[in-house]
């Protein structure tokens, strides 16, 4: 029986293979595999890369940096900063700024969600929930919900000295000086202004990172030294990471004047 089964199986396979041509199907041919690596060079400055994918895109509907460009314009940021050499630039995709529910229109993620507007009483004091501890807040809906100064400082923080990429990334954090002046403080219209940033790690007893917000005395909101941490993770796809918090979604883009990294989630502007 075993011999008959093998014989019938062989006849069936032979009939199937020959039948491929009968039904207009051709057998797949083998082709040699040619390894190739995508060229990370974009032959344009970081500013050109941002603007060509902004509110007036070079390619129709490629508006991935639209909301970042609008924020830069609101903050009256000098865009020549994105033309200077020897720098690394973190660009924010639209999702890093605001993710809007298509049905309700409510902001559900991004910077505008993670740094919500703090509701104030008529006298300018914080309005707290009935527990007396939790401030009443809402997601931002537009850049002007934040002060121009804070938005400008936020974008300055996302430009740092030195070209950082896969060629020099380490598993440990490397600190870089950003364009944000040391000692900068966020204004108090949003949660960002109450964030307490430090120069050393703030960990709980389990060793996990802790974010602290002080709604009585206020916080600084920005890294006290104007520095940013960058490292590479030893995991799938080996992503780069910002401040032990935000993974870079597209990294190591080599512009004419430096290295560009794109983030699609909120970047917290402090190391610790």
Protein backbone atom coordinates (compact mmCIF):
# COMPACT_ATOMS: atom_id res chain seq x y z
CA UNK A 1 0.00 0.00 0.00
CA UNK A 2 2.84 2.36 0.81
CA UNK A 3 4.37 1.85 -2.67
CA UNK A 4 1.01 2.47 -4.34
CA UNK A 5 0.52 5.68 -2.29
CA UNK A 6 3.95 7.00 -3.23
CA UNK A 7 3.35 6.13 -6.90
CA UNK A 8 -0.04 7.84 -6.95
CA UNK A 9 1.38 10.88 -5.17
CA UNK A 10 4.15 11.13 -7.71
CA UNK A 11 1.69 10.83 -10.60
CA UNK A 12 -0.52 13.51 -9.05
CA UNK A 13 2.43 15.92 -8.58
CA UNK A 14 3.62 15.32 -12.12
CA UNK A 15 0.11 15.92 -13.44
CA UNK A 16 -0.23 19.10 -11.34
CA UNK A 17 3.07 20.55 -12.54
CA UNK A 18 2.31 19.83 -16.20
CA UNK A 19 -1.20 21.21 -15.69
CA UNK A 20 0.16 24.61 -14.70
CA UNK A 21 0.92 25.36 -18.33
CA UNK A 22 -2.50 24.01 -19.38
CA UNK A 23 -4.23 26.58 -17.15
CA UNK A 24 -1.93 29.47 -18.12
CA UNK A 25 0.20 29.22 -14.99
CA UNK A 26 3.98 29.25 -15.26
CA UNK A 27 6.32 27.72 -12.73
CA UNK A 28 8.27 30.23 -10.67
CA UNK A 29 11.82 30.65 -11.82
CA UNK A 30 14.81 31.11 -9.55
CA UNK A 31 16.54 34.47 -9.61
CA UNK A 32 19.80 35.38 -7.91
CA UNK A 33 19.36 37.48 -4.75
CA UNK A 34 21.06 40.85 -4.97
CA UNK A 35 21.64 42.53 -1.62
CA UNK A 36 21.17 46.30 -1.54
CA UNK A 37 21.13 48.99 1.14
CA UNK A 38 18.89 52.06 0.96
CA UNK A 39 20.91 55.22 0.57
CA UNK A 40 20.24 57.47 3.59
CA UNK A 41 21.52 60.58 1.78
CA UNK A 42 18.76 62.98 0.73
CA UNK A 43 20.88 65.61 -1.07
CA UNK A 44 19.08 68.50 0.59
CA UNK A 45 19.30 70.45 3.83
CA UNK A 46 17.23 69.61 6.88
CA UNK A 47 15.18 72.75 6.19
CA UNK A 48 14.43 71.68 2.63
CA UNK A 49 13.46 68.20 3.80
CA UNK A 50 11.07 69.68 6.36
CA UNK A 51 9.48 72.25 4.06
CA UNK A 52 9.11 69.91 1.07
CA UNK A 53 7.01 67.60 3.28
CA UNK A 54 5.21 70.37 5.12
CA UNK A 55 2.10 72.44 4.41
CA UNK A 56 3.03 72.96 0.74
CA UNK A 57 4.52 69.56 -0.15
CA UNK A 58 6.70 68.82 -3.16
CA UNK A 59 4.72 65.59 -3.61
CA UNK A 60 0.94 65.88 -3.31
CA UNK A 61 -0.44 64.88 0.13
CA UNK A 62 3.05 64.25 1.60
CA UNK A 63 2.41 66.61 4.52
CA UNK A 64 4.07 64.60 7.31
CA UNK A 65 5.67 67.76 8.81
CA UNK A 66 2.73 70.13 8.29
CA UNK A 67 1.98 70.68 11.98
CA UNK A 68 5.63 71.09 12.87
CA UNK A 69 6.00 73.74 10.18
CA UNK A 70 2.91 75.54 11.44
CA UNK A 71 4.37 75.45 14.96
CA UNK A 72 7.67 76.89 13.77
CA UNK A 73 5.83 79.70 12.04
CA UNK A 74 3.72 80.43 15.12
CA UNK A 75 6.85 80.57 17.29
CA UNK A 76 8.58 82.83 14.74
CA UNK A 77 11.48 80.42 14.70
CA UNK A 78 14.46 81.32 12.52
CA UNK A 79 14.45 78.49 9.97
CA UNK A 80 18.06 79.14 9.01
CA UNK A 81 18.84 77.09 12.13
CA UNK A 82 17.90 74.07 9.98
CA UNK A 83 20.54 75.06 7.43
CA UNK A 84 23.53 75.17 9.77
CA UNK A 85 26.11 72.39 9.52
CA UNK A 86 27.40 69.93 12.10
CA UNK A 87 24.07 69.41 13.81
CA UNK A 88 21.46 66.74 14.38
CA UNK A 89 17.82 67.57 13.88
CA UNK A 90 14.77 65.87 15.39
CA UNK A 91 11.75 66.47 13.19
CA UNK A 92 8.24 65.79 14.45
CA UNK A 93 5.68 64.03 12.32
CA UNK A 94 2.07 65.15 12.61
CA UNK A 95 1.34 62.31 15.04
CA UNK A 96 4.07 63.50 17.40
CA UNK A 97 2.14 66.74 17.76
CA UNK A 98 -1.50 65.80 17.57
CA UNK A 99 -3.53 62.68 16.86
CA UNK A 100 -7.15 63.59 16.27
CA UNK A 101 -10.03 61.11 16.43
CA UNK A 102 -11.63 61.18 12.97
CA UNK A 103 -15.13 60.78 14.39
CA UNK A 104 -15.15 63.00 17.48
CA UNK A 105 -12.36 65.40 16.57
CA UNK A 106 -10.86 64.93 20.04
CA UNK A 107 -7.08 64.98 20.43
CA UNK A 108 -6.03 61.56 21.74
CA UNK A 109 -2.22 61.51 21.55
CA UNK A 110 0.85 63.57 20.76
CA UNK A 111 2.37 66.65 22.38
CA UNK A 112 -0.96 68.48 22.53
CA UNK A 113 -2.39 65.56 24.54
CA UNK A 114 0.60 64.86 26.79
CA UNK A 115 1.07 68.55 27.65
CA UNK A 116 -2.57 69.62 28.05
CA UNK A 117 -3.75 73.12 28.80
CA UNK A 118 -4.33 73.75 32.53
CA UNK A 119 -7.66 75.40 33.29
CA UNK A 120 -7.42 78.53 35.45
CA UNK A 121 -9.79 80.33 37.79
CA UNK A 122 -10.72 83.98 37.30
CA UNK A 123 -7.87 85.02 39.60
CA UNK A 124 -5.34 83.06 37.53
CA UNK A 125 -4.95 80.20 40.00
CA UNK A 126 -5.16 76.57 38.91
CA UNK A 127 -8.61 75.03 38.85
CA UNK A 128 -8.50 71.69 40.64
CA UNK A 129 -10.89 68.76 40.47
CA UNK A 130 -13.03 67.91 43.49
CA UNK A 131 -10.15 65.93 45.00
CA UNK A 132 -8.25 69.19 45.38
CA UNK A 133 -5.13 67.60 43.88
CA UNK A 134 -5.75 66.90 40.21
CA UNK A 135 -5.72 70.00 37.98
CA UNK A 136 -8.52 70.37 35.46
CA UNK A 137 -7.03 70.21 31.98
CA UNK A 138 -7.87 69.67 28.31
CA UNK A 139 -5.79 68.76 25.27
CA UNK A 140 -4.48 71.70 23.28
CA UNK A 141 -6.32 72.37 20.02
CA UNK A 142 -3.95 74.82 18.40
CA UNK A 143 -0.38 76.05 18.72
CA UNK A 144 -1.55 79.34 20.20
CA UNK A 145 -2.76 77.47 23.28
CA UNK A 146 0.93 77.62 24.23
CA UNK A 147 3.08 80.74 24.49
CA UNK A 148 5.35 81.51 21.55
CA UNK A 149 8.33 81.46 23.89
CA UNK A 150 7.62 77.91 25.07
CA UNK A 151 6.99 76.59 21.55
CA UNK A 152 10.19 78.22 20.29
CA UNK A 153 12.20 76.74 23.15
CA UNK A 154 10.67 73.33 22.51
CA UNK A 155 11.86 73.37 18.90
CA UNK A 156 15.29 74.71 19.91
CA UNK A 157 15.60 71.67 22.16
CA UNK A 158 15.15 69.40 19.15
CA UNK A 159 18.32 70.66 17.46
CA UNK A 160 21.61 69.57 18.97
CA UNK A 161 25.30 70.02 18.30
CA UNK A 162 27.12 67.16 16.59
CA UNK A 163 26.05 64.59 14.04
CA UNK A 164 24.56 61.56 15.78
CA UNK A 165 23.47 58.43 13.95
CA UNK A 166 23.93 54.69 13.69
CA UNK A 167 27.67 55.07 13.05
CA UNK A 168 28.36 56.49 16.52
CA UNK A 169 25.33 55.42 18.59
CA UNK A 170 26.02 53.60 21.85
CA UNK A 171 23.87 51.41 24.09
CA UNK A 172 24.51 53.91 26.88
CA UNK A 173 23.17 57.44 26.75
CA UNK A 174 25.28 60.14 25.14
CA UNK A 175 24.42 63.69 26.15
CA UNK A 176 24.43 66.46 23.55
CA UNK A 177 24.07 70.21 23.95
CA UNK A 178 20.94 71.51 22.25
CA UNK A 179 20.21 75.03 21.05
CA UNK A 180 17.98 75.54 24.09
CA UNK A 181 19.76 77.91 26.50
CA UNK A 182 20.49 76.39 29.92
CA UNK A 183 18.04 77.52 32.58
CA UNK A 184 15.10 77.96 30.18
CA UNK A 185 11.70 77.63 31.87
CA UNK A 186 8.38 76.76 30.23
CA UNK A 187 5.47 79.11 30.78
CA UNK A 188 2.57 77.93 32.92
CA UNK A 189 -0.36 77.58 30.50
CA UNK A 190 0.13 73.81 30.16
CA UNK A 191 1.35 70.78 32.11
CA UNK A 192 4.79 71.31 30.57
CA UNK A 193 5.29 74.37 32.77
CA UNK A 194 4.77 72.29 35.90
CA UNK A 195 7.12 69.45 34.96
CA UNK A 196 10.11 69.19 37.28
CA UNK A 197 13.17 68.37 35.19
CA UNK A 198 16.46 67.51 36.90
CA UNK A 199 20.10 66.79 36.04
CA UNK A 200 20.09 63.25 37.44
CA UNK A 201 17.64 60.32 37.15
CA UNK A 202 14.44 60.38 39.19
CA UNK A 203 13.56 56.74 39.87
CA UNK A 204 11.03 55.00 42.09
CA UNK A 205 12.05 52.14 44.46
CA UNK A 206 11.57 49.65 41.61
CA UNK A 207 14.01 51.54 39.43
CA UNK A 208 11.38 52.84 37.03
CA UNK A 209 11.54 56.39 35.74
CA UNK A 210 9.18 58.89 37.41
CA UNK A 211 7.79 62.10 35.93
CA UNK A 212 7.13 64.75 38.59
CA UNK A 213 4.77 67.70 38.23
CA UNK A 214 4.60 70.41 40.88
CA UNK A 215 1.29 72.31 40.71
CA UNK A 216 2.07 74.44 43.74
CA UNK A 217 5.52 75.89 43.17
CA UNK A 218 5.64 75.11 39.43
CA UNK A 219 8.38 73.41 37.46
CA UNK A 220 10.90 74.25 34.78
CA UNK A 221 9.60 72.07 31.92
CA UNK A 222 12.95 71.89 30.13
CA UNK A 223 16.24 70.18 30.82
CA UNK A 224 18.09 72.53 33.22
CA UNK A 225 21.30 72.28 31.21
CA UNK A 226 19.63 72.31 27.80
CA UNK A 227 20.95 68.81 27.05
CA UNK A 228 19.42 65.79 25.36
CA UNK A 229 20.24 62.07 25.68
CA UNK A 230 20.48 59.75 22.69
CA UNK A 231 21.20 56.02 22.51
CA UNK A 232 20.53 52.89 20.47
CA UNK A 233 18.42 50.03 21.81
CA UNK A 234 19.57 46.42 21.67
CA UNK A 235 16.24 45.14 20.36
CA UNK A 236 14.34 44.47 17.13
CA UNK A 237 15.37 46.93 14.42
CA UNK A 238 17.73 48.60 16.95
CA UNK A 239 15.88 51.91 17.13
CA UNK A 240 17.44 55.08 18.41
CA UNK A 241 15.86 56.52 21.54
CA UNK A 242 15.49 60.04 22.89
CA UNK A 243 15.77 60.68 26.64
CA UNK A 244 15.03 57.03 27.53
CA UNK A 245 11.44 57.67 26.48
CA UNK A 246 10.74 58.20 22.77
CA UNK A 247 11.82 55.83 20.03
CA UNK A 248 12.86 57.41 16.75
CA UNK A 249 10.57 56.18 13.97
CA UNK A 250 12.91 57.04 11.08
CA UNK A 251 16.56 57.52 11.98
CA UNK A 252 19.87 58.33 10.35
CA UNK A 253 18.68 60.43 7.42
CA UNK A 254 21.80 62.17 6.13
CA UNK A 255 21.08 65.71 4.99
CA UNK A 256 23.60 68.06 3.37
CA UNK A 257 24.14 69.83 6.69
CA UNK A 258 23.69 67.12 9.31
CA UNK A 259 21.68 64.14 10.46
CA UNK A 260 17.88 64.04 10.62
CA UNK A 261 15.76 61.83 12.89
CA UNK A 262 11.97 61.69 12.74
CA UNK A 263 9.82 61.04 15.82
CA UNK A 264 6.16 60.04 15.66
CA UNK A 265 5.42 60.33 19.38
CA UNK A 266 5.83 63.04 22.01
CA UNK A 267 9.40 64.04 22.78
CA UNK A 268 9.80 65.04 26.43
CA UNK A 269 12.28 67.95 26.57
CA UNK A 270 14.33 66.75 29.52
CA UNK A 271 16.74 63.91 30.27
CA UNK A 272 15.68 63.24 33.88
